[in-house]
Amino acid sequence: MTALPDATDRAVALLREFGAENVGHPGGTLLTHLRRVQARLAGWRARPALRLAGLCHAFYGTDGFPAALLTPDRRDDLVAVIGAEAEAIVYLYASCDRKATYPALDQADAVFHDRFTGRSHVPGEQMRRDFAELSAANEIDLAVIDSGFREEWGPELLALFGRVQDLLSADAWRECRTVLAAPGLPSTDRRTGPDL
């Protein structure tokens, strides 16, 4: 298995090679955002493959950020740098058709709709957890950087992450409630009850 610092360095080099430093993104550049997402996941004590996926989650673009650095037919290029496990998380995240997938995301048999292929499948529990954790890290980064984004999307995202909180780490759910909740409103936690 590749050591995380070495894989991180190689991933950053690949991101630079494909221009992530030149792609604008809230709070700076795409590379800056990706590094913040990786750092947030590390702060939540995510395992190495998920942290690497956080760093590379926008390589193929996403349903919310269409600028792609690589096309999905070049998945092997990313696998060679970050490994198959991390790349599979990146692909699941990037390929997710959010409008079709999010409504049932809290269900154990939730069907993921692949926006690249048009196919659907049911990922295993670990991949669902990875998807939820990466999604939370990404959206929280945007909400912290951009108050307009937080005001517009915070309540909807908090509702989404509230529905899937059983898939999130305690640290991720805590930060979702802290960052995304409207000031002065209690947030409900199925694990501990209302946050009063």
C-alpha atoms as a PDB file:
ATOM      1  CA  MET A   1       0.000   0.000   0.000  1.00  0.00           C
ATOM      2  CA  THR A   2       1.269   3.473  -0.858  1.00  0.00           C
ATOM      3  CA  ALA A   3       2.075   5.673   2.132  1.00  0.00           C
ATOM      4  CA  LEU A   4      -0.353   8.589   2.458  1.00  0.00           C
ATOM      5  CA  PRO A   5       2.213  11.434   2.273  1.00  0.00           C
ATOM      6  CA  ASP A   6       3.764   9.977  -0.898  1.00  0.00           C
ATOM      7  CA  ALA A   7       0.359   9.430  -2.508  1.00  0.00           C
ATOM      8  CA  THR A   8      -0.729  12.925  -1.459  1.00  0.00           C
ATOM      9  CA  ASP A   9       2.370  14.474  -3.011  1.00  0.00           C
ATOM     10  CA  ARG A  10       1.819  12.523  -6.220  1.00  0.00           C
ATOM     11  CA  ALA A  11      -1.871  13.486  -6.285  1.00  0.00           C
ATOM     12  CA  VAL A  12      -1.043  17.173  -5.807  1.00  0.00           C
ATOM     13  CA  ALA A  13       1.511  16.940  -8.622  1.00  0.00           C
ATOM     14  CA  LEU A  14      -1.151  15.393 -10.891  1.00  0.00           C
ATOM     15  CA  LEU A  15      -3.676  18.062  -9.886  1.00  0.00           C
ATOM     16  CA  ARG A  16      -1.124  20.734 -10.793  1.00  0.00           C
ATOM     17  CA  GLU A  17      -0.296  18.995 -14.063  1.00  0.00           C
ATOM     18  CA  PHE A  18      -3.962  19.109 -15.061  1.00  0.00           C
ATOM     19  CA  GLY A  19      -4.401  22.743 -14.030  1.00  0.00           C
ATOM     20  CA  ALA A  20      -6.255  22.617 -10.698  1.00  0.00           C
ATOM     21  CA  GLU A  21      -4.270  25.688  -9.586  1.00  0.00           C
ATOM     22  CA  ASN A  22      -5.763  27.641 -12.495  1.00  0.00           C
ATOM     23  CA  VAL A  23      -9.422  26.696 -12.000  1.00  0.00           C
ATOM     24  CA  GLY A  24     -11.340  29.264  -9.997  1.00  0.00           C
ATOM     25  CA  HIS A  25     -13.341  28.019  -7.024  1.00  0.00           C
ATOM     26  CA  PRO A  26     -14.941  29.721  -4.002  1.00  0.00           C
ATOM     27  CA  GLY A  27     -12.148  30.655  -1.618  1.00  0.00           C
ATOM     28  CA  GLY A  28      -9.388  30.604  -4.243  1.00  0.00           C
ATOM     29  CA  THR A  29      -8.590  27.825  -6.655  1.00  0.00           C
ATOM     30  CA  LEU A  30      -9.843  24.296  -7.093  1.00  0.00           C
ATOM     31  CA  LEU A  31      -6.565  22.969  -5.678  1.00  0.00           C
ATOM     32  CA  THR A  32      -6.955  25.110  -2.562  1.00  0.00           C
ATOM     33  CA  HIS A  33     -10.497  23.785  -2.062  1.00  0.00           C
ATOM     34  CA  LEU A  34      -9.401  20.169  -2.559  1.00  0.00           C
ATOM     35  CA  ARG A  35      -6.631  20.543   0.007  1.00  0.00           C
ATOM     36  CA  ARG A  36      -9.091  22.026   2.516  1.00  0.00           C
ATOM     37  CA  VAL A  37     -11.484  19.100   1.987  1.00  0.00           C
ATOM     38  CA  GLN A  38      -8.644  16.637   2.551  1.00  0.00           C
ATOM     39  CA  ALA A  39      -7.601  18.502   5.711  1.00  0.00           C
ATOM     40  CA  ARG A  40     -11.168  18.502   7.029  1.00  0.00           C
ATOM     41  CA  LEU A  41     -11.418  14.744   6.473  1.00  0.00           C
ATOM     42  CA  ALA A  42      -8.085  14.273   8.252  1.00  0.00           C
ATOM     43  CA  GLY A  43      -9.440  16.350  11.149  1.00  0.00           C
ATOM     44  CA  TRP A  44     -12.400  13.970  11.297  1.00  0.00           C
ATOM     45  CA  ARG A  45      -9.906  11.072  11.440  1.00  0.00           C
ATOM     46  CA  ALA A  46     -11.000   9.593   8.094  1.00  0.00           C
ATOM     47  CA  ARG A  47      -8.979   6.649   6.871  1.00  0.00           C
ATOM     48  CA  PRO A  48      -6.236   7.317   4.284  1.00  0.00           C
ATOM     49  CA  ALA A  49      -8.223   6.243   1.191  1.00  0.00           C
ATOM     50  CA  LEU A  50     -11.035   8.655   2.037  1.00  0.00           C
ATOM     51  CA  ARG A  51      -8.601  11.514   2.677  1.00  0.00           C
ATOM     52  CA  LEU A  52      -7.005  10.888  -0.728  1.00  0.00           C
ATOM     53  CA  ALA A  53     -10.456  10.788  -2.314  1.00  0.00           C
ATOM     54  CA  GLY A  54     -11.201  14.124  -0.661  1.00  0.00           C
ATOM     55  CA  LEU A  55      -8.111  15.608  -2.256  1.00  0.00           C
ATOM     56  CA  CYS A  56      -9.066  14.242  -5.678  1.00  0.00           C
ATOM     57  CA  HIS A  57     -12.870  14.293  -5.548  1.00  0.00           C
ATOM     58  CA  ALA A  58     -13.299  16.759  -8.437  1.00  0.00           C
ATOM     59  CA  PHE A  59     -10.947  15.102 -10.946  1.00  0.00           C
ATOM     60  CA  TYR A  60     -13.889  14.007 -13.116  1.00  0.00           C
ATOM     61  CA  GLY A  61     -15.986  17.053 -12.234  1.00  0.00           C
ATOM     62  CA  THR A  62     -19.134  16.629 -10.153  1.00  0.00           C
ATOM     63  CA  ASP A  63     -22.835  17.099 -10.615  1.00  0.00           C
ATOM     64  CA  GLY A  64     -22.423  20.507  -8.958  1.00  0.00           C
ATOM     65  CA  PHE A  65     -19.041  21.476 -10.452  1.00  0.00           C
ATOM     66  CA  PRO A  66     -18.751  20.406 -14.098  1.00  0.00           C
ATOM     67  CA  ALA A  67     -15.105  21.431 -14.686  1.00  0.00           C
ATOM     68  CA  ALA A  68     -13.273  18.103 -15.089  1.00  0.00           C
ATOM     69  CA  LEU A  69      -9.505  17.623 -15.020  1.00  0.00           C
ATOM     70  CA  LEU A  70      -9.743  14.060 -16.368  1.00  0.00           C
ATOM     71  CA  THR A  71     -12.488  12.254 -18.222  1.00  0.00           C
ATOM     72  CA  PRO A  72     -13.878   9.070 -16.661  1.00  0.00           C
ATOM     73  CA  ASP A  73     -12.339   6.979 -19.443  1.00  0.00           C
ATOM     74  CA  ARG A  74      -8.951   7.818 -17.876  1.00  0.00           C
ATOM     75  CA  ARG A  75      -9.691   6.350 -14.454  1.00  0.00           C
ATOM     76  CA  ASP A  76      -6.543   4.202 -14.617  1.00  0.00           C
ATOM     77  CA  ASP A  77      -4.414   7.373 -14.574  1.00  0.00           C
ATOM     78  CA  LEU A  78      -5.855   8.320 -11.181  1.00  0.00           C
ATOM     79  CA  VAL A  79      -5.752   4.742  -9.873  1.00  0.00           C
ATOM     80  CA  ALA A  80      -2.004   4.694 -10.582  1.00  0.00           C
ATOM     81  CA  VAL A  81      -1.528   7.698  -8.287  1.00  0.00           C
ATOM     82  CA  ILE A  82      -3.987   7.213  -5.406  1.00  0.00           C
ATOM     83  CA  GLY A  83      -4.916   3.527  -5.602  1.00  0.00           C
ATOM     84  CA  ALA A  84      -8.083   1.694  -6.582  1.00  0.00           C
ATOM     85  CA  GLU A  85      -9.941   2.175  -3.293  1.00  0.00           C
ATOM     86  CA  ALA A  86      -9.550   5.962  -3.202  1.00  0.00           C
ATOM     87  CA  GLU A  87     -10.292   6.273  -6.922  1.00  0.00           C
ATOM     88  CA  ALA A  88     -13.499   4.242  -6.534  1.00  0.00           C
ATOM     89  CA  ILE A  89     -14.683   6.786  -3.946  1.00  0.00           C
ATOM     90  CA  VAL A  90     -13.753   9.639  -6.292  1.00  0.00           C
ATOM     91  CA  TYR A  91     -15.687   8.017  -9.121  1.00  0.00           C
ATOM     92  CA  LEU A  92     -18.773   7.348  -6.976  1.00  0.00           C
ATOM     93  CA  TYR A  93     -18.771  10.962  -5.792  1.00  0.00           C
ATOM     94  CA  ALA A  94     -18.177  12.453  -9.244  1.00  0.00           C
ATOM     95  CA  SER A  95     -20.624  10.201 -11.061  1.00  0.00           C
ATOM     96  CA  CYS A  96     -23.521  10.737  -8.674  1.00  0.00           C
ATOM     97  CA  ASP A  97     -26.616  12.214 -10.286  1.00  0.00           C
ATOM     98  CA  ARG A  98     -27.640  14.129  -7.182  1.00  0.00           C
ATOM     99  CA  LYS A  99     -31.213  14.905  -8.193  1.00  0.00           C
ATOM    100  CA  ALA A 100     -31.935  11.224  -8.818  1.00  0.00           C
ATOM    101  CA  THR A 101     -29.876   9.846  -5.898  1.00  0.00           C
ATOM    102  CA  TYR A 102     -30.321  12.219  -2.938  1.00  0.00           C
ATOM    103  CA  PRO A 103     -34.047  11.626  -2.216  1.00  0.00           C
ATOM    104  CA  ALA A 104     -33.425   8.031  -1.048  1.00  0.00           C
ATOM    105  CA  LEU A 105     -29.858   8.456   0.203  1.00  0.00           C
ATOM    106  CA  ASP A 106     -30.834   7.615   3.788  1.00  0.00           C
ATOM    107  CA  GLN A 107     -32.103   4.159   2.809  1.00  0.00           C
ATOM    108  CA  ALA A 108     -29.776   1.162   3.101  1.00  0.00           C
ATOM    109  CA  ASP A 109     -30.743   0.021  -0.392  1.00  0.00           C
ATOM    110  CA  ALA A 110     -30.451   3.506  -1.915  1.00  0.00           C
ATOM    111  CA  VAL A 111     -29.835   3.363  -5.636  1.00  0.00           C
ATOM    112  CA  PHE A 112     -27.003   5.522  -6.955  1.00  0.00           C
ATOM    113  CA  HIS A 113     -27.562   6.884 -10.428  1.00  0.00           C
ATOM    114  CA  ASP A 114     -24.385   7.282 -12.504  1.00  0.00           C
ATOM    115  CA  ARG A 115     -24.582  10.503 -14.525  1.00  0.00           C
ATOM    116  CA  PHE A 116     -21.777   9.322 -16.832  1.00  0.00           C
ATOM    117  CA  THR A 117     -23.210   5.951 -17.838  1.00  0.00           C
ATOM    118  CA  GLY A 118     -26.898   6.309 -17.041  1.00  0.00           C
ATOM    119  CA  ARG A 119     -26.716   3.074 -15.033  1.00  0.00           C
ATOM    120  CA  SER A 120     -27.822   2.561 -11.446  1.00  0.00           C
ATOM    121  CA  HIS A 121     -26.424   0.418  -8.652  1.00  0.00           C
ATOM    122  CA  VAL A 122     -26.579  -0.025  -4.884  1.00  0.00           C
ATOM    123  CA  PRO A 123     -23.175   0.599  -3.268  1.00  0.00           C
ATOM    124  CA  GLY A 124     -22.128  -1.225  -0.123  1.00  0.00           C
ATOM    125  CA  GLU A 125     -22.320   0.343   3.322  1.00  0.00           C
ATOM    126  CA  GLN A 126     -18.662   1.488   3.419  1.00  0.00           C
ATOM    127  CA  MET A 127     -19.015   3.281   0.087  1.00  0.00           C
ATOM    128  CA  ARG A 128     -22.242   4.926   1.275  1.00  0.00           C
ATOM    129  CA  ARG A 129     -20.422   6.096   4.415  1.00  0.00           C
ATOM    130  CA  ASP A 130     -17.523   7.401   2.340  1.00  0.00           C
ATOM    131  CA  PHE A 131     -19.905   9.203  -0.006  1.00  0.00           C
ATOM    132  CA  ALA A 132     -21.764  10.848   2.881  1.00  0.00           C
ATOM    133  CA  GLU A 133     -18.564  11.878   4.696  1.00  0.00           C
ATOM    134  CA  LEU A 134     -16.957  13.283   1.539  1.00  0.00           C
ATOM    135  CA  SER A 135     -20.163  15.104   0.646  1.00  0.00           C
ATOM    136  CA  ALA A 136     -20.291  16.675   4.103  1.00  0.00           C
ATOM    137  CA  ALA A 137     -16.630  17.738   3.960  1.00  0.00           C
ATOM    138  CA  ASN A 138     -17.105  19.307   0.535  1.00  0.00           C
ATOM    139  CA  GLU A 139     -20.314  21.181   1.356  1.00  0.00           C
ATOM    140  CA  ILE A 140     -19.064  22.370   4.741  1.00  0.00           C
ATOM    141  CA  ASP A 141     -15.948  23.775   3.105  1.00  0.00           C
ATOM    142  CA  LEU A 142     -18.112  25.764   0.703  1.00  0.00           C
ATOM    143  CA  ALA A 143     -20.391  26.950   3.515  1.00  0.00           C
ATOM    144  CA  VAL A 144     -17.426  28.124   5.623  1.00  0.00           C
ATOM    145  CA  ILE A 145     -15.828  29.976   2.695  1.00  0.00           C
ATOM    146  CA  ASP A 146     -18.991  31.514   1.218  1.00  0.00           C
ATOM    147  CA  SER A 147     -21.683  32.938   3.523  1.00  0.00           C
ATOM    148  CA  GLY A 148     -24.031  33.393   0.544  1.00  0.00           C
ATOM    149  CA  PHE A 149     -23.752  29.686  -0.234  1.00  0.00           C
ATOM    150  CA  ARG A 150     -24.398  28.861   3.435  1.00  0.00           C
ATOM    151  CA  GLU A 151     -27.464  31.111   3.578  1.00  0.00           C
ATOM    152  CA  GLU A 152     -28.912  29.701   0.354  1.00  0.00           C
ATOM    153  CA  TRP A 153     -28.099  26.023   0.780  1.00  0.00           C
ATOM    154  CA  GLY A 154     -27.375  25.544   4.499  1.00  0.00           C
ATOM    155  CA  PRO A 155     -30.894  24.519   5.588  1.00  0.00           C
ATOM    156  CA  GLU A 156     -31.310  22.079   2.688  1.00  0.00           C
ATOM    157  CA  LEU A 157     -27.875  20.558   3.275  1.00  0.00           C
ATOM    158  CA  LEU A 158     -28.491  20.276   7.011  1.00  0.00           C
ATOM    159  CA  ALA A 159     -31.727  18.420   6.273  1.00  0.00           C
ATOM    160  CA  LEU A 160     -29.887  16.095   3.864  1.00  0.00           C
ATOM    161  CA  PHE A 161     -27.075  15.354   6.310  1.00  0.00           C
ATOM    162  CA  GLY A 162     -29.585  14.995   9.125  1.00  0.00           C
ATOM    163  CA  ARG A 163     -31.279  12.215   7.148  1.00  0.00           C
ATOM    164  CA  VAL A 164     -27.941  10.419   6.620  1.00  0.00           C
ATOM    165  CA  GLN A 165     -26.328  11.223   9.942  1.00  0.00           C
ATOM    166  CA  ASP A 166     -26.046   7.526  10.774  1.00  0.00           C
ATOM    167  CA  LEU A 167     -23.586   7.281   7.861  1.00  0.00           C
ATOM    168  CA  LEU A 168     -21.490  10.207   9.146  1.00  0.00           C
ATOM    169  CA  SER A 169     -18.777  10.209  11.763  1.00  0.00           C
ATOM    170  CA  ALA A 170     -19.659  12.035  14.985  1.00  0.00           C
ATOM    171  CA  ASP A 171     -17.160  14.776  14.052  1.00  0.00           C
ATOM    172  CA  ALA A 172     -18.706  15.279  10.619  1.00  0.00           C
ATOM    173  CA  TRP A 173     -22.262  15.452  11.971  1.00  0.00           C
ATOM    174  CA  ARG A 174     -21.208  17.868  14.713  1.00  0.00           C
ATOM    175  CA  GLU A 175     -19.619  20.184  12.139  1.00  0.00           C
ATOM    176  CA  CYS A 176     -22.661  19.920   9.860  1.00  0.00           C
ATOM    177  CA  ARG A 177     -24.854  21.122  12.713  1.00  0.00           C
ATOM    178  CA  THR A 178     -22.451  23.878  13.702  1.00  0.00           C
ATOM    179  CA  VAL A 179     -21.777  25.278  10.231  1.00  0.00           C
ATOM    180  CA  LEU A 180     -25.050  24.658   8.394  1.00  0.00           C
ATOM    181  CA  ALA A 181     -27.662  25.384  11.074  1.00  0.00           C
ATOM    182  CA  ALA A 182     -29.355  28.756  10.900  1.00  0.00           C
ATOM    183  CA  PRO A 183     -28.376  30.886  13.912  1.00  0.00           C
ATOM    184  CA  GLY A 184     -30.737  30.426  16.830  1.00  0.00           C
ATOM    185  CA  LEU A 185     -32.488  27.329  15.482  1.00  0.00           C
ATOM    186  CA  PRO A 186     -32.113  23.973  17.244  1.00  0.00           C
ATOM    187  CA  SER A 187     -30.972  21.088  15.102  1.00  0.00           C
ATOM    188  CA  THR A 188     -32.257  17.586  15.688  1.00  0.00           C
ATOM    189  CA  ASP A 189     -29.804  14.762  16.202  1.00  0.00           C
ATOM    190  CA  ARG A 190     -31.350  11.296  16.137  1.00  0.00           C
ATOM    191  CA  ARG A 191     -28.481  10.075  18.297  1.00  0.00           C
ATOM    192  CA  THR A 192     -28.818  12.641  21.084  1.00  0.00           C
ATOM    193  CA  GLY A 193     -32.132  14.453  20.498  1.00  0.00           C
ATOM    194  CA  PRO A 194     -32.629  18.181  19.931  1.00  0.00           C
ATOM    195  CA  ASP A 195     -29.566  20.358  20.193  1.00  0.00           C
ATOM    196  CA  LEU A 196     -30.751  22.965  22.681  1.00  0.00           C
END
